[in-house]
Amino acid sequence: MNRDKIFDLWLVRVLLYGVPFGVFMGVFTTDRGHVASGWVSSIVAGVLFGLVMGSAHRRQQLAREQRTAGLTTQNRTLAVRASRCGPIPGDPATRAAAAALTRDLLEQITSQRGKNLAVFGAFILLALVQALTSSPWFWLGVLVFAAAVVVQLREPRKLHRRLAQLHNAA
């Protein structure tokens, strides 16, 4: 893939992550008395969020392409899917790529687990305070961040089981 195409895709990812986030921030955080400043800060937040998430997604995609190099497009798709769920691939190279992807994801989740739990816990507390003092809509935030905590706690076990399945199929 040439460098210009990679940059174009990265820019699209930045926009795909940043625009919805900026709109969400503008709709839910803009004060009626300060609409212009609220939207300006939402646009800045959207750009920053898009840059961070677009870059992270690009790094993940490059790692995924590296792990599945040498596979056909169909086997690459099978390996990516099999790394999380679905049928175990019969082809040993595809199965090995799926296992490598699963190990990468498990490593990433394990290394970030403590930080993620602390951040989600802090956001639960903030949303809880806001729900009790300002608007009942913040209960939705409490539920979302509580769900994120549950996923953080359950995902490593799920990935360990999947890795065992991929290795035992050989």
N, C-alpha and C. Protein backbone atom coordinates (compact mmCIF):
# COMPACT_ATOMS: atom_id res chain seq x y z
N MET A 1 0.86 -1.17 0.00
CA MET A 1 0.00 0.00 0.00
C MET A 1 0.90 1.24 0.00
N ASN A 2 0.60 2.18 -0.89
CA ASN A 2 1.48 3.34 -0.94
C ASN A 2 1.20 4.32 0.19
N ARG A 3 2.18 5.16 0.45
CA ARG A 3 2.14 6.06 1.59
C ARG A 3 0.98 7.06 1.53
N ASP A 4 0.66 7.57 0.33
CA ASP A 4 -0.44 8.53 0.21
C ASP A 4 -1.77 7.88 0.57
N LYS A 5 -1.96 6.63 0.14
CA LYS A 5 -3.21 5.95 0.46
C LYS A 5 -3.33 5.69 1.97
N ILE A 6 -2.22 5.32 2.62
CA ILE A 6 -2.24 5.12 4.07
C ILE A 6 -2.61 6.42 4.77
N PHE A 7 -2.04 7.56 4.32
CA PHE A 7 -2.36 8.84 4.94
C PHE A 7 -3.83 9.17 4.73
N ASP A 8 -4.36 8.94 3.52
CA ASP A 8 -5.76 9.21 3.26
C ASP A 8 -6.67 8.39 4.16
N LEU A 9 -6.33 7.11 4.33
CA LEU A 9 -7.14 6.26 5.21
C LEU A 9 -7.05 6.73 6.66
N TRP A 10 -5.86 7.16 7.08
CA TRP A 10 -5.69 7.66 8.44
C TRP A 10 -6.54 8.91 8.64
N LEU A 11 -6.55 9.80 7.65
CA LEU A 11 -7.35 11.01 7.74
C LEU A 11 -8.84 10.68 7.81
N VAL A 12 -9.27 9.69 7.07
CA VAL A 12 -10.67 9.26 7.12
C VAL A 12 -10.99 8.74 8.52
N ARG A 13 -10.07 7.95 9.10
CA ARG A 13 -10.29 7.43 10.46
C ARG A 13 -10.38 8.57 11.47
N VAL A 14 -9.51 9.55 11.33
CA VAL A 14 -9.54 10.71 12.23
C VAL A 14 -10.91 11.37 12.17
N LEU A 15 -11.42 11.55 10.96
CA LEU A 15 -12.74 12.18 10.79
C LEU A 15 -13.86 11.28 11.32
N LEU A 16 -13.76 9.98 11.06
CA LEU A 16 -14.81 9.05 11.52
C LEU A 16 -14.90 8.98 13.04
N TYR A 17 -13.78 9.12 13.71
CA TYR A 17 -13.80 9.13 15.17
C TYR A 17 -14.10 10.53 15.72
N GLY A 18 -13.51 11.54 15.13
CA GLY A 18 -13.59 12.89 15.69
C GLY A 18 -14.91 13.59 15.48
N VAL A 19 -15.51 13.46 14.30
CA VAL A 19 -16.75 14.19 14.02
C VAL A 19 -17.88 13.75 14.93
N PRO A 20 -18.18 12.44 15.04
CA PRO A 20 -19.27 12.06 15.96
C PRO A 20 -18.99 12.46 17.41
N PHE A 21 -17.72 12.33 17.84
CA PHE A 21 -17.40 12.72 19.20
C PHE A 21 -17.61 14.21 19.41
N GLY A 22 -17.17 15.02 18.45
CA GLY A 22 -17.36 16.47 18.55
C GLY A 22 -18.83 16.85 18.56
N VAL A 23 -19.63 16.22 17.71
CA VAL A 23 -21.08 16.50 17.69
C VAL A 23 -21.71 16.09 19.01
N PHE A 24 -21.34 14.90 19.49
CA PHE A 24 -21.87 14.42 20.77
C PHE A 24 -21.53 15.42 21.88
N MET A 25 -20.28 15.85 21.93
CA MET A 25 -19.87 16.82 22.95
C MET A 25 -20.63 18.12 22.80
N GLY A 26 -20.83 18.57 21.56
CA GLY A 26 -21.55 19.82 21.34
C GLY A 26 -23.01 19.75 21.78
N VAL A 27 -23.65 18.63 21.47
CA VAL A 27 -25.07 18.47 21.81
C VAL A 27 -25.26 18.34 23.32
N PHE A 28 -24.39 17.57 23.98
CA PHE A 28 -24.63 17.26 25.38
C PHE A 28 -23.90 18.16 26.38
N THR A 29 -22.97 18.98 25.92
CA THR A 29 -22.24 19.80 26.89
C THR A 29 -22.35 21.30 26.65
N THR A 30 -22.98 21.70 25.57
CA THR A 30 -23.06 23.14 25.29
C THR A 30 -24.13 23.78 26.17
N ASP A 31 -23.71 24.82 26.85
CA ASP A 31 -24.61 25.58 27.71
C ASP A 31 -25.40 26.55 26.84
N ARG A 32 -26.67 26.73 27.13
CA ARG A 32 -27.52 27.58 26.29
C ARG A 32 -26.99 29.02 26.20
N GLY A 33 -26.38 29.51 27.23
CA GLY A 33 -25.88 30.87 27.22
C GLY A 33 -24.57 31.03 26.48
N HIS A 34 -23.84 29.94 26.26
CA HIS A 34 -22.51 30.01 25.65
C HIS A 34 -22.41 29.02 24.48
N VAL A 35 -23.30 29.16 23.52
CA VAL A 35 -23.37 28.20 22.42
C VAL A 35 -22.09 28.23 21.57
N ALA A 36 -21.64 29.42 21.22
CA ALA A 36 -20.46 29.51 20.34
C ALA A 36 -19.22 28.91 21.00
N SER A 37 -18.96 29.28 22.24
CA SER A 37 -17.78 28.74 22.91
C SER A 37 -17.93 27.24 23.15
N GLY A 38 -19.14 26.79 23.41
CA GLY A 38 -19.38 25.35 23.60
C GLY A 38 -19.07 24.55 22.34
N TRP A 39 -19.50 25.07 21.19
CA TRP A 39 -19.24 24.35 19.94
C TRP A 39 -17.77 24.42 19.56
N VAL A 40 -17.11 25.54 19.85
CA VAL A 40 -15.67 25.63 19.56
C VAL A 40 -14.91 24.60 20.39
N SER A 41 -15.23 24.51 21.67
CA SER A 41 -14.55 23.53 22.51
C SER A 41 -14.90 22.10 22.08
N SER A 42 -16.11 21.89 21.59
CA SER A 42 -16.50 20.56 21.11
C SER A 42 -15.74 20.19 19.84
N ILE A 43 -15.53 21.16 18.97
CA ILE A 43 -14.75 20.91 17.75
C ILE A 43 -13.31 20.57 18.10
N VAL A 44 -12.73 21.32 19.03
CA VAL A 44 -11.36 21.05 19.46
C VAL A 44 -11.28 19.65 20.09
N ALA A 45 -12.25 19.31 20.94
CA ALA A 45 -12.27 17.98 21.56
C ALA A 45 -12.41 16.90 20.49
N GLY A 46 -13.26 17.13 19.49
CA GLY A 46 -13.44 16.16 18.41
C GLY A 46 -12.16 15.95 17.61
N VAL A 47 -11.45 17.04 17.31
CA VAL A 47 -10.20 16.92 16.57
C VAL A 47 -9.17 16.14 17.38
N LEU A 48 -9.02 16.49 18.66
CA LEU A 48 -8.05 15.78 19.51
C LEU A 48 -8.42 14.31 19.66
N PHE A 49 -9.70 14.02 19.91
CA PHE A 49 -10.15 12.64 20.05
C PHE A 49 -9.91 11.88 18.75
N GLY A 50 -10.23 12.51 17.61
CA GLY A 50 -10.02 11.87 16.32
C GLY A 50 -8.56 11.56 16.06
N LEU A 51 -7.67 12.50 16.41
CA LEU A 51 -6.24 12.26 16.22
C LEU A 51 -5.75 11.10 17.06
N VAL A 52 -6.15 11.06 18.32
CA VAL A 52 -5.69 9.98 19.21
C VAL A 52 -6.27 8.64 18.77
N MET A 53 -7.58 8.58 18.56
CA MET A 53 -8.20 7.30 18.21
C MET A 53 -7.83 6.86 16.80
N GLY A 54 -7.72 7.80 15.86
CA GLY A 54 -7.31 7.45 14.51
C GLY A 54 -5.90 6.88 14.48
N SER A 55 -5.01 7.47 15.27
CA SER A 55 -3.64 6.97 15.35
C SER A 55 -3.59 5.59 15.99
N ALA A 56 -4.35 5.40 17.06
CA ALA A 56 -4.38 4.09 17.73
C ALA A 56 -4.93 3.02 16.79
N HIS A 57 -5.98 3.35 16.07
CA HIS A 57 -6.58 2.39 15.13
C HIS A 57 -5.59 2.05 14.01
N ARG A 58 -4.86 3.04 13.55
CA ARG A 58 -3.87 2.80 12.50
C ARG A 58 -2.77 1.86 12.99
N ARG A 59 -2.28 2.09 14.22
CA ARG A 59 -1.26 1.20 14.77
C ARG A 59 -1.78 -0.23 14.87
N GLN A 60 -3.02 -0.39 15.31
CA GLN A 60 -3.60 -1.73 15.41
C GLN A 60 -3.73 -2.38 14.04
N GLN A 61 -4.16 -1.59 13.05
CA GLN A 61 -4.31 -2.15 11.72
C GLN A 61 -2.96 -2.56 11.12
N LEU A 62 -1.93 -1.75 11.32
CA LEU A 62 -0.60 -2.11 10.82
C LEU A 62 -0.08 -3.38 11.48
N ALA A 63 -0.32 -3.52 12.79
CA ALA A 63 0.10 -4.75 13.49
C ALA A 63 -0.69 -5.95 12.96
N ARG A 64 -1.98 -5.75 12.71
CA ARG A 64 -2.81 -6.83 12.19
C ARG A 64 -2.33 -7.25 10.80
N GLU A 65 -1.99 -6.26 9.96
CA GLU A 65 -1.49 -6.58 8.62
C GLU A 65 -0.16 -7.32 8.70
N GLN A 66 0.68 -6.95 9.66
CA GLN A 66 1.96 -7.62 9.83
C GLN A 66 1.75 -9.08 10.25
N ARG A 67 0.81 -9.32 11.16
CA ARG A 67 0.56 -10.69 11.63
C ARG A 67 -0.08 -11.57 10.57
N THR A 68 -0.80 -10.96 9.63
CA THR A 68 -1.50 -11.75 8.61
C THR A 68 -0.82 -11.65 7.25
N ALA A 69 0.40 -11.14 7.22
CA ALA A 69 1.13 -11.03 5.94
C ALA A 69 1.31 -12.42 5.35
N GLY A 70 1.16 -12.51 4.05
CA GLY A 70 1.35 -13.79 3.37
C GLY A 70 0.07 -14.59 3.22
N LEU A 71 -1.01 -14.15 3.86
CA LEU A 71 -2.29 -14.84 3.72
C LEU A 71 -3.10 -14.20 2.60
N THR A 72 -3.97 -15.01 1.99
CA THR A 72 -4.88 -14.45 1.00
C THR A 72 -5.87 -13.54 1.71
N THR A 73 -6.57 -12.74 0.97
CA THR A 73 -7.55 -11.82 1.56
C THR A 73 -8.61 -12.60 2.33
N GLN A 74 -9.06 -13.69 1.78
CA GLN A 74 -10.08 -14.51 2.45
C GLN A 74 -9.53 -15.11 3.74
N ASN A 75 -8.31 -15.65 3.71
CA ASN A 75 -7.72 -16.23 4.91
C ASN A 75 -7.38 -15.15 5.95
N ARG A 76 -7.03 -13.96 5.48
CA ARG A 76 -6.77 -12.84 6.41
C ARG A 76 -8.06 -12.50 7.17
N THR A 77 -9.16 -12.44 6.44
CA THR A 77 -10.46 -12.17 7.08
C THR A 77 -10.81 -13.27 8.07
N LEU A 78 -10.57 -14.52 7.68
CA LEU A 78 -10.84 -15.65 8.58
C LEU A 78 -9.98 -15.57 9.84
N ALA A 79 -8.72 -15.22 9.68
CA ALA A 79 -7.80 -15.14 10.83
C ALA A 79 -8.24 -14.04 11.79
N VAL A 80 -8.60 -12.88 11.26
CA VAL A 80 -9.03 -11.78 12.12
C VAL A 80 -10.28 -12.17 12.88
N ARG A 81 -11.23 -12.79 12.21
CA ARG A 81 -12.47 -13.20 12.88
C ARG A 81 -12.20 -14.32 13.88
N ALA A 82 -11.39 -15.28 13.49
CA ALA A 82 -11.11 -16.43 14.36
C ALA A 82 -10.31 -16.03 15.59
N SER A 83 -9.65 -14.89 15.55
CA SER A 83 -8.89 -14.46 16.73
C SER A 83 -9.81 -14.10 17.89
N ARG A 84 -11.07 -13.82 17.61
CA ARG A 84 -12.03 -13.44 18.66
C ARG A 84 -13.17 -14.44 18.83
N CYS A 85 -13.68 -14.96 17.71
CA CYS A 85 -14.85 -15.84 17.76
C CYS A 85 -14.95 -16.59 16.45
N GLY A 86 -16.01 -17.37 16.31
CA GLY A 86 -16.26 -18.07 15.06
C GLY A 86 -15.52 -19.38 14.96
N PRO A 87 -15.63 -19.99 13.79
CA PRO A 87 -15.00 -21.30 13.61
C PRO A 87 -13.47 -21.20 13.57
N ILE A 88 -12.85 -22.28 14.02
CA ILE A 88 -11.38 -22.36 14.00
C ILE A 88 -10.96 -22.68 12.57
N PRO A 89 -10.04 -21.91 12.00
CA PRO A 89 -9.61 -22.18 10.62
C PRO A 89 -8.89 -23.51 10.51
N GLY A 90 -9.11 -24.18 9.40
CA GLY A 90 -8.45 -25.46 9.15
C GLY A 90 -7.01 -25.29 8.68
N ASP A 91 -6.74 -24.20 7.99
CA ASP A 91 -5.40 -23.94 7.47
C ASP A 91 -4.46 -23.57 8.63
N PRO A 92 -3.33 -24.27 8.75
CA PRO A 92 -2.40 -24.00 9.87
C PRO A 92 -1.86 -22.57 9.88
N ALA A 93 -1.57 -22.00 8.71
CA ALA A 93 -1.04 -20.63 8.66
C ALA A 93 -2.09 -19.62 9.12
N THR A 94 -3.32 -19.84 8.72
CA THR A 94 -4.41 -18.95 9.13
C THR A 94 -4.66 -19.08 10.63
N ARG A 95 -4.60 -20.32 11.13
CA ARG A 95 -4.78 -20.56 12.56
C ARG A 95 -3.65 -19.92 13.37
N ALA A 96 -2.42 -20.01 12.87
CA ALA A 96 -1.28 -19.39 13.55
C ALA A 96 -1.41 -17.87 13.57
N ALA A 97 -1.88 -17.30 12.48
CA ALA A 97 -2.09 -15.86 12.43
C ALA A 97 -3.19 -15.44 13.41
N ALA A 98 -4.25 -16.23 13.48
CA ALA A 98 -5.34 -15.93 14.43
C ALA A 98 -4.82 -16.00 15.87
N ALA A 99 -3.99 -17.01 16.17
CA ALA A 99 -3.42 -17.14 17.51
C ALA A 99 -2.51 -15.95 17.82
N ALA A 100 -1.73 -15.51 16.85
CA ALA A 100 -0.85 -14.35 17.06
C ALA A 100 -1.67 -13.09 17.32
N LEU A 101 -2.76 -12.92 16.58
CA LEU A 101 -3.63 -11.76 16.80
C LEU A 101 -4.27 -11.81 18.19
N THR A 102 -4.67 -13.00 18.61
CA THR A 102 -5.27 -13.16 19.93
C THR A 102 -4.26 -12.84 21.02
N ARG A 103 -3.02 -13.32 20.85
CA ARG A 103 -1.96 -13.02 21.83
C ARG A 103 -1.70 -11.52 21.90
N ASP A 104 -1.66 -10.87 20.74
CA ASP A 104 -1.44 -9.41 20.72
C ASP A 104 -2.54 -8.68 21.48
N LEU A 105 -3.78 -9.05 21.22
CA LEU A 105 -4.90 -8.40 21.89
C LEU A 105 -4.88 -8.66 23.39
N LEU A 106 -4.58 -9.90 23.76
CA LEU A 106 -4.49 -10.25 25.19
C LEU A 106 -3.38 -9.46 25.88
N GLU A 107 -2.25 -9.33 25.21
CA GLU A 107 -1.14 -8.55 25.76
C GLU A 107 -1.53 -7.08 25.94
N GLN A 108 -2.20 -6.54 24.93
CA GLN A 108 -2.62 -5.14 25.00
C GLN A 108 -3.62 -4.92 26.13
N ILE A 109 -4.61 -5.78 26.23
CA ILE A 109 -5.63 -5.64 27.27
C ILE A 109 -5.02 -5.80 28.65
N THR A 110 -4.13 -6.77 28.80
CA THR A 110 -3.50 -7.02 30.10
C THR A 110 -2.63 -5.84 30.53
N SER A 111 -1.89 -5.28 29.58
CA SER A 111 -0.99 -4.18 29.94
C SER A 111 -1.76 -2.90 30.27
N GLN A 112 -2.94 -2.72 29.72
CA GLN A 112 -3.71 -1.50 29.95
C GLN A 112 -4.80 -1.66 31.00
N ARG A 113 -4.93 -2.84 31.55
CA ARG A 113 -6.05 -3.15 32.43
C ARG A 113 -6.14 -2.24 33.65
N GLY A 114 -5.04 -2.07 34.36
CA GLY A 114 -5.06 -1.24 35.56
C GLY A 114 -5.45 0.20 35.27
N LYS A 115 -4.83 0.77 34.23
CA LYS A 115 -5.15 2.16 33.87
C LYS A 115 -6.61 2.29 33.45
N ASN A 116 -7.07 1.33 32.63
CA ASN A 116 -8.46 1.40 32.16
C ASN A 116 -9.45 1.29 33.30
N LEU A 117 -9.20 0.38 34.23
CA LEU A 117 -10.11 0.24 35.37
C LEU A 117 -10.12 1.51 36.22
N ALA A 118 -8.97 2.13 36.40
CA ALA A 118 -8.92 3.38 37.18
C ALA A 118 -9.69 4.49 36.47
N VAL A 119 -9.50 4.62 35.17
CA VAL A 119 -10.21 5.66 34.41
C VAL A 119 -11.71 5.41 34.41
N PHE A 120 -12.11 4.18 34.13
CA PHE A 120 -13.55 3.87 34.12
C PHE A 120 -14.16 4.07 35.50
N GLY A 121 -13.43 3.68 36.56
CA GLY A 121 -13.93 3.89 37.92
C GLY A 121 -14.10 5.37 38.23
N ALA A 122 -13.14 6.18 37.81
CA ALA A 122 -13.25 7.62 38.03
C ALA A 122 -14.45 8.20 37.27
N PHE A 123 -14.65 7.73 36.04
CA PHE A 123 -15.79 8.23 35.28
C PHE A 123 -17.13 7.75 35.86
N ILE A 124 -17.13 6.57 36.44
CA ILE A 124 -18.35 6.11 37.13
C ILE A 124 -18.67 7.06 38.29
N LEU A 125 -17.64 7.39 39.07
CA LEU A 125 -17.86 8.30 40.20
C LEU A 125 -18.32 9.69 39.74
N LEU A 126 -17.68 10.21 38.69
CA LEU A 126 -18.09 11.52 38.17
C LEU A 126 -19.52 11.49 37.64
N ALA A 127 -19.85 10.46 36.89
CA ALA A 127 -21.22 10.36 36.36
C ALA A 127 -22.22 10.18 37.49
N LEU A 128 -21.84 9.44 38.51
CA LEU A 128 -22.72 9.23 39.66
C LEU A 128 -23.00 10.55 40.38
N VAL A 129 -21.96 11.32 40.60
CA VAL A 129 -22.14 12.63 41.24
C VAL A 129 -23.03 13.52 40.38
N GLN A 130 -22.79 13.52 39.08
CA GLN A 130 -23.62 14.34 38.19
C GLN A 130 -25.06 13.85 38.16
N ALA A 131 -25.26 12.54 38.19
CA ALA A 131 -26.62 11.98 38.18
C ALA A 131 -27.38 12.38 39.44
N LEU A 132 -26.67 12.42 40.56
CA LEU A 132 -27.33 12.76 41.83
C LEU A 132 -27.54 14.27 41.99
N THR A 133 -26.68 15.08 41.39
CA THR A 133 -26.76 16.52 41.62
C THR A 133 -27.30 17.31 40.45
N SER A 134 -27.26 16.77 39.23
CA SER A 134 -27.64 17.60 38.11
C SER A 134 -28.75 17.00 37.25
N SER A 135 -28.48 15.92 36.56
CA SER A 135 -29.47 15.39 35.62
C SER A 135 -29.51 13.88 35.69
N PRO A 136 -30.70 13.30 35.63
CA PRO A 136 -30.79 11.84 35.64
C PRO A 136 -30.20 11.18 34.38
N TRP A 137 -29.94 11.96 33.34
CA TRP A 137 -29.32 11.41 32.14
C TRP A 137 -27.93 10.85 32.42
N PHE A 138 -27.29 11.32 33.45
CA PHE A 138 -25.95 10.83 33.78
C PHE A 138 -25.96 9.39 34.29
N TRP A 139 -27.14 8.86 34.65
CA TRP A 139 -27.22 7.44 35.00
C TRP A 139 -26.83 6.58 33.80
N LEU A 140 -27.10 7.09 32.62
CA LEU A 140 -26.68 6.38 31.41
C LEU A 140 -25.15 6.26 31.37
N GLY A 141 -24.46 7.32 31.75
CA GLY A 141 -23.00 7.28 31.82
C GLY A 141 -22.51 6.27 32.85
N VAL A 142 -23.19 6.21 33.99
CA VAL A 142 -22.83 5.22 35.01
C VAL A 142 -22.94 3.81 34.43
N LEU A 143 -24.03 3.53 33.71
CA LEU A 143 -24.22 2.21 33.12
C LEU A 143 -23.17 1.89 32.05
N VAL A 144 -22.86 2.88 31.21
CA VAL A 144 -21.88 2.66 30.14
C VAL A 144 -20.51 2.35 30.73
N PHE A 145 -20.08 3.12 31.70
CA PHE A 145 -18.75 2.90 32.28
C PHE A 145 -18.72 1.63 33.14
N ALA A 146 -19.83 1.28 33.76
CA ALA A 146 -19.89 0.01 34.50
C ALA A 146 -19.78 -1.16 33.52
N ALA A 147 -20.42 -1.05 32.36
CA ALA A 147 -20.30 -2.09 31.34
C ALA A 147 -18.86 -2.20 30.86
N ALA A 148 -18.18 -1.07 30.72
CA ALA A 148 -16.78 -1.08 30.30
C ALA A 148 -15.90 -1.79 31.33
N VAL A 149 -16.20 -1.61 32.61
CA VAL A 149 -15.46 -2.31 33.67
C VAL A 149 -15.68 -3.81 33.55
N VAL A 150 -16.93 -4.22 33.34
CA VAL A 150 -17.24 -5.65 33.21
C VAL A 150 -16.48 -6.25 32.02
N VAL A 151 -16.46 -5.55 30.89
CA VAL A 151 -15.73 -6.04 29.72
C VAL A 151 -14.24 -6.16 30.03
N GLN A 152 -13.68 -5.17 30.72
CA GLN A 152 -12.26 -5.21 31.08
C GLN A 152 -11.94 -6.42 31.95
N LEU A 153 -12.86 -6.78 32.81
CA LEU A 153 -12.63 -7.90 33.72
C LEU A 153 -12.84 -9.25 33.05
N ARG A 154 -13.75 -9.33 32.10
CA ARG A 154 -14.09 -10.61 31.47
C ARG A 154 -13.27 -10.94 30.24
N GLU A 155 -12.83 -9.92 29.52
CA GLU A 155 -12.17 -10.14 28.22
C GLU A 155 -10.90 -10.99 28.29
N PRO A 156 -10.02 -10.81 29.26
CA PRO A 156 -8.82 -11.66 29.29
C PRO A 156 -9.15 -13.16 29.39
N ARG A 157 -10.13 -13.52 30.21
CA ARG A 157 -10.51 -14.94 30.31
C ARG A 157 -11.02 -15.47 28.98
N LYS A 158 -11.82 -14.65 28.30
CA LYS A 158 -12.36 -15.04 27.00
C LYS A 158 -11.23 -15.25 25.99
N LEU A 159 -10.25 -14.35 26.00
CA LEU A 159 -9.15 -14.46 25.06
C LEU A 159 -8.24 -15.65 25.39
N HIS A 160 -8.05 -15.95 26.68
CA HIS A 160 -7.27 -17.13 27.07
C HIS A 160 -7.97 -18.40 26.56
N ARG A 161 -9.28 -18.46 26.71
CA ARG A 161 -10.02 -19.63 26.20
C ARG A 161 -9.89 -19.74 24.69
N ARG A 162 -9.98 -18.61 23.99
CA ARG A 162 -9.87 -18.65 22.53
C ARG A 162 -8.48 -19.08 22.09
N LEU A 163 -7.47 -18.60 22.79
CA LEU A 163 -6.10 -19.00 22.46
C LEU A 163 -5.91 -20.50 22.66
N ALA A 164 -6.47 -21.03 23.73
CA ALA A 164 -6.40 -22.49 23.97
C ALA A 164 -7.11 -23.25 22.85
N GLN A 165 -8.26 -22.76 22.42
CA GLN A 165 -8.98 -23.41 21.33
C GLN A 165 -8.15 -23.40 20.04
N LEU A 166 -7.51 -22.28 19.76
CA LEU A 166 -6.71 -22.18 18.55
C LEU A 166 -5.50 -23.12 18.60
N HIS A 167 -4.89 -23.27 19.78
CA HIS A 167 -3.72 -24.14 19.92
C HIS A 167 -4.12 -25.61 19.93
N ASN A 168 -5.25 -25.93 20.54
CA ASN A 168 -5.70 -27.33 20.62
C ASN A 168 -6.21 -27.87 19.31
N ALA A 169 -6.57 -26.98 18.38
CA ALA A 169 -7.10 -27.42 17.09
C ALA A 169 -6.00 -27.97 16.20
N ALA A 170 -4.77 -27.72 16.56
CA ALA A 170 -3.64 -28.16 15.69
C ALA A 170 -3.43 -29.62 15.72
